[in-house]
PDB file of N, CA and C in Angstrom:
ATOM      1  N   MET A   1    -149.742  42.642  44.926  1.00  0.00           N
ATOM      2  CA  MET A   1    -149.325  42.815  46.259  1.00  0.00           C
ATOM      3  C   MET A   1    -148.111  42.104  46.857  1.00  0.00           C
ATOM      4  N   LYS A   2    -147.326  42.785  47.874  1.00  0.00           N
ATOM      5  CA  LYS A   2    -146.271  42.657  48.082  1.00  0.00           C
ATOM      6  C   LYS A   2    -146.225  41.154  48.712  1.00  0.00           C
ATOM      7  N   THR A   3    -147.492  40.683  49.550  1.00  0.00           N
ATOM      8  CA  THR A   3    -147.270  39.603  50.199  1.00  0.00           C
ATOM      9  C   THR A   3    -147.284  38.380  49.144  1.00  0.00           C
ATOM     10  N   ASP A   4    -148.185  38.651  48.097  1.00  0.00           N
ATOM     11  CA  ASP A   4    -148.208  37.533  46.895  1.00  0.00           C
ATOM     12  C   ASP A   4    -146.529  37.334  46.233  1.00  0.00           C
ATOM     13  N   LYS A   5    -145.785  38.302  46.405  1.00  0.00           N
ATOM     14  CA  LYS A   5    -144.429  38.121  46.017  1.00  0.00           C
ATOM     15  C   LYS A   5    -143.925  37.469  46.836  1.00  0.00           C
ATOM     16  N   SER A   6    -143.716  38.093  48.355  1.00  0.00           N
ATOM     17  CA  SER A   6    -143.131  37.036  49.329  1.00  0.00           C
ATOM     18  C   SER A   6    -143.655  35.759  49.289  1.00  0.00           C
ATOM     19  N   PHE A   7    -144.889  35.379  49.217  1.00  0.00           N
ATOM     20  CA  PHE A   7    -145.406  33.880  48.940  1.00  0.00           C
ATOM     21  C   PHE A   7    -144.806  33.123  47.639  1.00  0.00           C
ATOM     22  N   GLU A   8    -144.743  34.005  46.464  1.00  0.00           N
ATOM     23  CA  GLU A   8    -143.930  33.407  45.554  1.00  0.00           C
ATOM     24  C   GLU A   8    -142.279  32.674  45.717  1.00  0.00           C
ATOM     25  N   LEU A   9    -141.963  34.062  46.530  1.00  0.00           N
ATOM     26  CA  LEU A   9    -140.523  33.588  47.075  1.00  0.00           C
ATOM     27  C   LEU A   9    -140.163  32.357  47.508  1.00  0.00           C
ATOM     28  N   ALA A  10    -141.148  32.603  48.685  1.00  0.00           N
ATOM     29  CA  ALA A  10    -140.934  31.696  49.733  1.00  0.00           C
ATOM     30  C   ALA A  10    -141.251  30.009  49.170  1.00  0.00           C
ATOM     31  N   LYS A  11    -142.308  30.051  48.416  1.00  0.00           N
ATOM     32  CA  LYS A  11    -142.430  28.647  47.726  1.00  0.00           C
ATOM     33  C   LYS A  11    -141.299  28.030  46.880  1.00  0.00           C
ATOM     34  N   LYS A  12    -140.694  29.155  46.095  1.00  0.00           N
ATOM     35  CA  LYS A  12    -139.349  28.754  45.440  1.00  0.00           C
ATOM     36  C   LYS A  12    -138.515  28.164  46.314  1.00  0.00           C
ATOM     37  N   GLN A  13    -138.062  28.934  47.338  1.00  0.00           N
ATOM     38  CA  GLN A  13    -137.204  28.804  47.965  1.00  0.00           C
ATOM     39  C   GLN A  13    -137.254  27.237  49.077  1.00  0.00           C
ATOM     40  N   VAL A  14    -138.502  27.087  49.122  1.00  0.00           N
ATOM     41  CA  VAL A  14    -139.053  25.597  49.684  1.00  0.00           C
ATOM     42  C   VAL A  14    -138.413  24.421  48.549  1.00  0.00           C
ATOM     43  N   THR A  15    -138.682  24.351  47.211  1.00  0.00           N
ATOM     44  CA  THR A  15    -138.273  23.693  46.348  1.00  0.00           C
ATOM     45  C   THR A  15    -136.505  23.672  45.931  1.00  0.00           C
ATOM     46  N   THR A  16    -135.893  24.863  46.184  1.00  0.00           N
ATOM     47  CA  THR A  16    -134.859  25.108  46.400  1.00  0.00           C
ATOM     48  C   THR A  16    -134.194  24.100  47.391  1.00  0.00           C
ATOM     49  N   ALA A  17    -134.544  24.288  48.767  1.00  0.00           N
ATOM     50  CA  ALA A  17    -134.053  23.738  49.563  1.00  0.00           C
ATOM     51  C   ALA A  17    -134.404  22.012  49.453  1.00  0.00           C
ATOM     52  N   ARG A  18    -135.272  22.031  49.304  1.00  0.00           N
ATOM     53  CA  ARG A  18    -135.840  20.357  48.876  1.00  0.00           C
ATOM     54  C   ARG A  18    -134.494  19.797  48.367  1.00  0.00           C
ATOM     55  N   GLU A  19    -134.370  20.416  47.222  1.00  0.00           N
ATOM     56  CA  GLU A  19    -133.274  19.904  46.230  1.00  0.00           C
ATOM     57  C   GLU A  19    -132.045  20.011  47.108  1.00  0.00           C
ATOM     58  N   ASP A  20    -131.823  20.940  47.611  1.00  0.00           N
ATOM     59  CA  ASP A  20    -130.330  20.912  48.116  1.00  0.00           C
ATOM     60  C   ASP A  20    -130.492  19.925  49.326  1.00  0.00           C
ATOM     61  N   TYR A  21    -131.336  19.536  49.950  1.00  0.00           N
ATOM     62  CA  TYR A  21    -131.310  18.276  50.904  1.00  0.00           C
ATOM     63  C   TYR A  21    -131.347  16.956  50.133  1.00  0.00           C
ATOM     64  N   ARG A  22    -131.562  17.133  49.094  1.00  0.00           N
ATOM     65  CA  ARG A  22    -131.648  15.624  48.496  1.00  0.00           C
ATOM     66  C   ARG A  22    -130.510  15.479  48.189  1.00  0.00           C
ATOM     67  N   MET A  23    -129.617  16.211  47.218  1.00  0.00           N
ATOM     68  CA  MET A  23    -128.306  16.279  46.626  1.00  0.00           C
ATOM     69  C   MET A  23    -127.593  15.969  48.009  1.00  0.00           C
ATOM     70  N   ALA A  24    -127.347  16.681  49.368  1.00  0.00           N
ATOM     71  CA  ALA A  24    -126.608  16.614  50.198  1.00  0.00           C
ATOM     72  C   ALA A  24    -126.593  14.907  50.917  1.00  0.00           C
ATOM     73  N   PHE A  25    -127.976  14.775  50.885  1.00  0.00           N
ATOM     74  CA  PHE A  25    -128.422  13.307  51.369  1.00  0.00           C
ATOM     75  C   PHE A  25    -127.583  12.239  50.271  1.00  0.00           C
ATOM     76  N   ARG A  26    -127.413  12.711  49.052  1.00  0.00           N
ATOM     77  CA  ARG A  26    -127.014  11.714  47.985  1.00  0.00           C
ATOM     78  C   ARG A  26    -125.376  11.406  48.167  1.00  0.00           C
ATOM     79  N   ARG A  27    -125.153  12.675  48.597  1.00  0.00           N
ATOM     80  CA  ARG A  27    -123.540  12.825  48.624  1.00  0.00           C
ATOM     81  C   ARG A  27    -123.301  12.268  49.774  1.00  0.00           C
ATOM     82  N   TYR A  28    -123.827  12.366  50.641  1.00  0.00           N
ATOM     83  CA  TYR A  28    -123.550  11.520  52.203  1.00  0.00           C
ATOM     84  C   TYR A  28    -123.933  10.001  51.773  1.00  0.00           C
ATOM     85  N   GLU A  29    -124.539   9.577  50.751  1.00  0.00           N
ATOM     86  CA  GLU A  29    -124.913   8.210  50.781  1.00  0.00           C
ATOM     87  C   GLU A  29    -123.434   7.523  49.863  1.00  0.00           C
ATOM     88  N   ALA A  30    -123.165   8.568  49.143  1.00  0.00           N
ATOM     89  CA  ALA A  30    -121.977   8.043  48.198  1.00  0.00           C
ATOM     90  C   ALA A  30    -120.463   8.278  49.034  1.00  0.00           C
ATOM     91  N   ARG A  31    -120.438   8.563  50.270  1.00  0.00           N
ATOM     92  CA  ARG A  31    -119.292   9.010  51.052  1.00  0.00           C
ATOM     93  C   ARG A  31    -118.838  10.349  50.653  1.00  0.00           C
ATOM     94  N   LEU A  32    -119.427  11.133  49.728  1.00  0.00           N
ATOM     95  CA  LEU A  32    -118.704  12.487  49.243  1.00  0.00           C
ATOM     96  C   LEU A  32    -119.281  13.405  50.166  1.00  0.00           C
ATOM     97  N   GLY A  33    -120.038  13.621  51.062  1.00  0.00           N
ATOM     98  CA  GLY A  33    -120.231  14.696  51.844  1.00  0.00           C
ATOM     99  C   GLY A  33    -120.273  14.181  53.054  1.00  0.00           C
ATOM    100  N   SER A  34    -120.147  15.018  54.200  1.00  0.00           N
ATOM    101  CA  SER A  34    -120.645  14.790  55.345  1.00  0.00           C
ATOM    102  C   SER A  34    -121.883  14.834  56.097  1.00  0.00           C
ATOM    103  N   ASN A  35    -122.049  14.339  57.339  1.00  0.00           N
ATOM    104  CA  ASN A  35    -123.546  14.390  57.961  1.00  0.00           C
ATOM    105  C   ASN A  35    -123.825  15.979  58.464  1.00  0.00           C
ATOM    106  N   ILE A  36    -122.927  16.446  58.438  1.00  0.00           N
ATOM    107  CA  ILE A  36    -123.083  17.929  58.851  1.00  0.00           C
ATOM    108  C   ILE A  36    -123.698  18.311  57.556  1.00  0.00           C
ATOM    109  N   ASP A  37    -123.402  18.202  56.153  1.00  0.00           N
ATOM    110  CA  ASP A  37    -123.818  19.001  55.204  1.00  0.00           C
ATOM    111  C   ASP A  37    -125.526  18.419  55.198  1.00  0.00           C
ATOM    112  N   VAL A  38    -125.640  17.255  55.374  1.00  0.00           N
ATOM    113  CA  VAL A  38    -127.241  16.811  55.533  1.00  0.00           C
ATOM    114  C   VAL A  38    -127.980  17.516  56.472  1.00  0.00           C
ATOM    115  N   LEU A  39    -127.441  17.642  57.653  1.00  0.00           N
ATOM    116  CA  LEU A  39    -128.109  18.303  58.903  1.00  0.00           C
ATOM    117  C   LEU A  39    -128.364  19.839  58.336  1.00  0.00           C
ATOM    118  N   ASP A  40    -126.917  20.576  58.014  1.00  0.00           N
ATOM    119  CA  ASP A  40    -127.094  21.781  57.480  1.00  0.00           C
ATOM    120  C   ASP A  40    -128.177  21.963  56.625  1.00  0.00           C
ATOM    121  N   ALA A  41    -128.418  21.272  55.529  1.00  0.00           N
ATOM    122  CA  ALA A  41    -129.231  21.353  54.485  1.00  0.00           C
ATOM    123  C   ALA A  41    -130.920  20.736  55.104  1.00  0.00           C
ATOM    124  N   LYS A  42    -131.044  20.052  55.901  1.00  0.00           N
ATOM    125  CA  LYS A  42    -132.483  19.672  56.546  1.00  0.00           C
ATOM    126  C   LYS A  42    -132.650  21.030  57.428  1.00  0.00           C
ATOM    127  N   ARG A  43    -131.569  21.895  58.278  1.00  0.00           N
ATOM    128  CA  ARG A  43    -132.113  23.110  58.585  1.00  0.00           C
ATOM    129  C   ARG A  43    -132.640  23.836  57.696  1.00  0.00           C
ATOM    130  N   ALA A  44    -131.753  24.232  57.019  1.00  0.00           N
ATOM    131  CA  ALA A  44    -132.317  25.317  55.624  1.00  0.00           C
ATOM    132  C   ALA A  44    -133.671  24.702  54.858  1.00  0.00           C
ATOM    133  N   LEU A  45    -133.803  23.454  54.980  1.00  0.00           N
ATOM    134  CA  LEU A  45    -135.197  22.882  54.549  1.00  0.00           C
ATOM    135  C   LEU A  45    -136.380  23.235  55.429  1.00  0.00           C
ATOM    136  N   ILE A  46    -136.100  23.089  56.787  1.00  0.00           N
ATOM    137  CA  ILE A  46    -136.881  23.293  57.589  1.00  0.00           C
ATOM    138  C   ILE A  46    -137.512  24.879  57.856  1.00  0.00           C
ATOM    139  N   ARG A  47    -136.321  25.800  57.692  1.00  0.00           N
ATOM    140  CA  ARG A  47    -136.479  27.194  57.867  1.00  0.00           C
ATOM    141  C   ARG A  47    -137.147  27.804  56.371  1.00  0.00           C
ATOM    142  N   SER A  48    -137.036  27.162  55.451  1.00  0.00           N
ATOM    143  CA  SER A  48    -137.616  27.572  54.262  1.00  0.00           C
ATOM    144  C   SER A  48    -139.165  27.168  54.389  1.00  0.00           C
ATOM    145  N   ARG A  49    -139.421  26.277  55.134  1.00  0.00           N
ATOM    146  CA  ARG A  49    -140.956  25.569  55.132  1.00  0.00           C
ATOM    147  C   ARG A  49    -141.628  26.600  56.236  1.00  0.00           C
ATOM    148  N   THR A  50    -140.732  27.095  57.424  1.00  0.00           N
ATOM    149  CA  THR A  50    -141.450  28.225  58.081  1.00  0.00           C
ATOM    150  C   THR A  50    -141.499  29.436  57.909  1.00  0.00           C
ATOM    151  N   GLU A  51    -140.836  29.875  56.868  1.00  0.00           N
ATOM    152  CA  GLU A  51    -141.001  31.200  56.218  1.00  0.00           C
ATOM    153  C   GLU A  51    -142.090  31.171  55.403  1.00  0.00           C
ATOM    154  N   TYR A  52    -142.123  29.792  54.204  1.00  0.00           N
ATOM    155  CA  TYR A  52    -143.303  29.703  53.365  1.00  0.00           C
ATOM    156  C   TYR A  52    -144.992  29.470  54.358  1.00  0.00           C
ATOM    157  N   VAL A  53    -144.833  29.057  55.298  1.00  0.00           N
ATOM    158  CA  VAL A  53    -145.835  29.234  56.424  1.00  0.00           C
ATOM    159  C   VAL A  53    -146.112  30.534  56.751  1.00  0.00           C
ATOM    160  N   ASP A  54    -145.298  31.187  57.003  1.00  0.00           N
ATOM    161  CA  ASP A  54    -145.438  32.524  57.595  1.00  0.00           C
ATOM    162  C   ASP A  54    -145.788  33.607  56.224  1.00  0.00           C
ATOM    163  N   ALA A  55    -145.426  33.250  54.794  1.00  0.00           N
ATOM    164  CA  ALA A  55    -145.733  33.886  53.982  1.00  0.00           C
ATOM    165  C   ALA A  55    -147.415  33.739  53.399  1.00  0.00           C
ATOM    166  N   VAL A  56    -147.748  32.577  53.749  1.00  0.00           N
ATOM    167  CA  VAL A  56    -149.198  31.824  53.629  1.00  0.00           C
ATOM    168  C   VAL A  56    -150.191  32.708  54.665  1.00  0.00           C
ATOM    169  N   TYR A  57    -149.651  32.805  55.692  1.00  0.00           N
ATOM    170  CA  TYR A  57    -150.360  33.535  56.528  1.00  0.00           C
ATOM    171  C   TYR A  57    -150.673  34.866  56.570  1.00  0.00           C
ATOM    172  N   ASP A  58    -149.403  35.405  56.203  1.00  0.00           N
ATOM    173  CA  ASP A  58    -149.224  36.704  55.916  1.00  0.00           C
ATOM    174  C   ASP A  58    -150.189  37.528  54.510  1.00  0.00           C
ATOM    175  N   ALA A  59    -150.325  36.536  53.373  1.00  0.00           N
ATOM    176  CA  ALA A  59    -151.116  36.824  52.286  1.00  0.00           C
ATOM    177  C   ALA A  59    -152.201  36.838  52.931  1.00  0.00           C
ATOM    178  N   ALA A  60    -152.956  35.664  53.622  1.00  0.00           N
ATOM    179  CA  ALA A  60    -154.404  35.557  53.870  1.00  0.00           C
ATOM    180  C   ALA A  60    -154.803  36.736  54.785  1.00  0.00           C
ATOM    181  N   ALA A  61    -154.061  36.880  55.653  1.00  0.00           N
ATOM    182  CA  ALA A  61    -154.272  38.195  56.697  1.00  0.00           C
ATOM    183  C   ALA A  61    -154.335  39.598  55.837  1.00  0.00           C
ATOM    184  N   ALA A  62    -153.659  39.381  54.799  1.00  0.00           N
ATOM    185  CA  ALA A  62    -153.601  40.986  54.037  1.00  0.00           C
ATOM    186  C   ALA A  62    -155.180  41.121  53.452  1.00  0.00           C
ATOM    187  N   ARG A  63    -155.282  39.913  52.882  1.00  0.00           N
ATOM    188  CA  ARG A  63    -156.484  39.755  51.934  1.00  0.00           C
ATOM    189  C   ARG A  63    -157.939  40.140  52.679  1.00  0.00           C
ATOM    190  N   SER A  64    -157.700  39.469  53.863  1.00  0.00           N
ATOM    191  CA  SER A  64    -158.702  39.824  54.901  1.00  0.00           C
ATOM    192  C   SER A  64    -159.058  41.085  55.496  1.00  0.00           C
ATOM    193  N   HIS A  65    -157.598  41.681  55.511  1.00  0.00           N
ATOM    194  CA  HIS A  65    -157.595  42.766  56.068  1.00  0.00           C
ATOM    195  C   HIS A  65    -158.495  43.882  55.014  1.00  0.00           C
ATOM    196  N   LEU A  66    -158.281  43.734  53.630  1.00  0.00           N
ATOM    197  CA  LEU A  66    -158.371  44.302  52.684  1.00  0.00           C
ATOM    198  C   LEU A  66    -159.920  44.471  52.129  1.00  0.00           C
ATOM    199  N   VAL A  67    -160.462  43.142  52.529  1.00  0.00           N
ATOM    200  CA  VAL A  67    -162.106  42.896  52.309  1.00  0.00           C
ATOM    201  C   VAL A  67    -162.349  43.453  53.480  1.00  0.00           C
ATOM    202  N   TYR A  68    -162.179  43.703  54.527  1.00  0.00           N
ATOM    203  CA  TYR A  68    -162.670  44.429  55.874  1.00  0.00           C
ATOM    204  C   TYR A  68    -162.467  45.834  55.660  1.00  0.00           C
ATOM    205  N   VAL A  69    -161.576  46.431  54.810  1.00  0.00           N
ATOM    206  CA  VAL A  69    -161.462  47.634  55.202  1.00  0.00           C
ATOM    207  C   VAL A  69    -162.337  48.410  53.788  1.00  0.00           C
ATOM    208  N   MET A  70    -162.636  47.602  52.980  1.00  0.00           N
ATOM    209  CA  MET A  70    -163.621  47.767  52.010  1.00  0.00           C
ATOM    210  C   MET A  70    -164.989  47.526  52.004  1.00  0.00           C
ATOM    211  N   GLY A  71    -165.270  47.277  53.695  1.00  0.00           N
ATOM    212  CA  GLY A  71    -166.497  47.068  53.785  1.00  0.00           C
ATOM    213  C   GLY A  71    -167.316  45.755  54.151  1.00  0.00           C
ATOM    214  N   GLY A  72    -166.140  44.917  53.648  1.00  0.00           N
ATOM    215  CA  GLY A  72    -166.845  43.568  53.999  1.00  0.00           C
ATOM    216  C   GLY A  72    -166.595  43.007  55.776  1.00  0.00           C
ATOM    217  N   ASP A  73    -167.148  41.819  55.816  1.00  0.00           N
ATOM    218  CA  ASP A  73    -167.170  41.273  56.923  1.00  0.00           C
ATOM    219  C   ASP A  73    -165.804  40.560  57.329  1.00  0.00           C
ATOM    220  N   LEU A  74    -165.132  40.727  58.674  1.00  0.00           N
ATOM    221  CA  LEU A  74    -163.696  40.346  59.072  1.00  0.00           C
ATOM    222  C   LEU A  74    -164.361  38.857  59.102  1.00  0.00           C
ATOM    223  N   PRO A  75    -163.501  37.924  58.944  1.00  0.00           N
ATOM    224  CA  PRO A  75    -163.717  36.613  59.283  1.00  0.00           C
ATOM    225  C   PRO A  75    -163.700  36.193  61.072  1.00  0.00           C
ATOM    226  N   PRO A  76    -164.177  35.598  61.620  1.00  0.00           N
ATOM    227  CA  PRO A  76    -164.087  35.588  63.007  1.00  0.00           C
ATOM    228  C   PRO A  76    -162.325  35.251  63.460  1.00  0.00           C
ATOM    229  N   ASP A  77    -161.922  34.184  62.724  1.00  0.00           N
ATOM    230  CA  ASP A  77    -160.365  33.836  63.172  1.00  0.00           C
ATOM    231  C   ASP A  77    -159.304  34.899  63.036  1.00  0.00           C
ATOM    232  N   LEU A  78    -159.501  36.003  61.901  1.00  0.00           N
ATOM    233  CA  LEU A  78    -159.028  37.277  62.054  1.00  0.00           C
ATOM    234  C   LEU A  78    -159.415  38.589  62.852  1.00  0.00           C
ATOM    235  N   PHE A  79    -160.271  38.364  63.646  1.00  0.00           N
ATOM    236  CA  PHE A  79    -160.704  39.515  64.314  1.00  0.00           C
ATOM    237  C   PHE A  79    -159.611  40.223  65.199  1.00  0.00           C
ATOM    238  N   PHE A  80    -158.285  39.679  65.481  1.00  0.00           N
ATOM    239  CA  PHE A  80    -157.521  40.537  65.892  1.00  0.00           C
ATOM    240  C   PHE A  80    -156.955  41.569  64.897  1.00  0.00           C
ATOM    241  N   LEU A  81    -157.116  41.455  63.630  1.00  0.00           N
ATOM    242  CA  LEU A  81    -156.330  42.346  62.760  1.00  0.00           C
ATOM    243  C   LEU A  81    -157.511  43.796  62.749  1.00  0.00           C
ATOM    244  N   LYS A  82    -158.564  43.534  63.643  1.00  0.00           N
ATOM    245  CA  LYS A  82    -159.454  44.780  63.448  1.00  0.00           C
ATOM    246  C   LYS A  82    -159.012  45.698  64.831  1.00  0.00           C
ATOM    247  N   ARG A  83    -158.774  47.013  63.922  1.00  0.00           N
ATOM    248  CA  ARG A  83    -158.107  47.843  65.108  1.00  0.00           C
ATOM    249  C   ARG A  83    -159.090  49.137  65.575  1.00  0.00           C
TER     250      ARG A  83
END
């Protein structure tokens, strides 16, 4: 499924962004980087985490919709998908 690929990509991006933030902070502590670098890395980490949450939601919604169109019951919290 496309959503599964998006989920895996988002997961990898969070890992990469977390490492980038860690390295930016270490460079700042060693006086080799600026606080702007740390803030940029933190912003990228927050954005990647947001995209990960979106991907998790999209995957869950797609699976629930698939169950529904195949004749299963739609969970109450995903009622908005019923068209």
